Amino acid sequence: MLEEVERWLAGRSWSAADRPLEQLLEAKRQTGRTVSVVLPALDEEATVGAIVATIRADLMTEEVPLVDELVVLDSGSTDRTAEVAAAAGARVVHRDGVLPRIPALPGKGEVLWRSLLVTSGDIVCFVDADLREFSSTFVSGIVGPLLTDPEVQFVKAMYDRPLDTGRGGPAAGGEQGGRVTELVARPLLNLHWPQLAGFVQPLGGEYAARRSLLERLPFPVGYGVELGLLVDALHTVGLDALAQVDVGVRRHRHQGGQALGRMAAAIYRTAQLRLARGHLVRPRLTQFERGEHGFVPRTTAVDTEERPPMAEIPEYAERRAA
């Protein structure tokens, strides 16, 4: 590991407990900074309500007004996600209703990008909507450095990620989830962006940043968004403006092997574009499923689109100027 990264780990890695809520609230009062929380959601009726309710109960009260705005960005759910989120107290916005002149593409990065147009906070905090046993520390922990340290611009959550086997408990031997992180993202970062080797969860969906930074970054529309934002933030503001905070344990629904394969391909493609700003020769991924007469190939497209920095969108500039 680079000496620069060792110094960064010592000075830019914290625990959520390092900044009590009282300290964050005082910093918020002094700076006047506002905080928006965004939950990108697709068919998450089982979990989104509890997350929204916890944030509202812990961080959006008269006594603890840490979060000013809570938005669930629905990317086309076919279940009761929108209804459950609204009932729990979130403002629900549908992806297709944001910037309608640009047809929406499928993908998590697409809704994160569009969320900048329907939120107003100086600090924007993203939280995945499939988390179980959710703690509001996921929000207060990663927002904390942005409220208390003017030099910090981008904060990732770090956590233990036990792999649920689906048999009533975690995997034996403390096996961790995050297989795409360990097999794809971490090798890519260590080899090509060694300054980012200190991030424990580079692909984690819980992170916060200053709006002034996010609006300057391009957003990969799909699975590559976390890696893309992290790499581009490094090049835009430098390592010392990035940080990570330990928020404990993250539990969520784990995906199957083929879905992870598609995720890995998109992340590799995102990295490739940032290394060469070129294009994949063949931006498709073929996987195999056993059928009645043997293995059947299934080919899917790899995410190949990126949205430009939101600061370049006229509607965003008009809204900010209003």
Foldseek 3Di string as FASTA:
>chain_A
DDPLLVVCCVPFEAALVVADLVNLVVLCVVVVFAEEEEEEDAQLLVFQLVVLLQCCVPAVDPVHVRHDAYEYEYADHPDCNQVSNVVSPHHYHYLCVFPVVDGFDDADLRSVQSVLLVDDGQKYKYDYRFWDPDHCSLVSSQCVCVSVPVLAFKEAEAEFAFDDPVPPDGDPPRDGDPPLCVPAVLVLCCVPVVSPNNDRCQQDRTMMGGSVLQLQAKAQRHLQRSVRSVVVCCVVRNSNNYHYYYSYYTYGDDDDDVVSVLSNLLNVQSSVCVVPVDHDPAQKDWDWDQDPVGIDIDIDGRRDDIGHRNVPPVSSVVVVVD
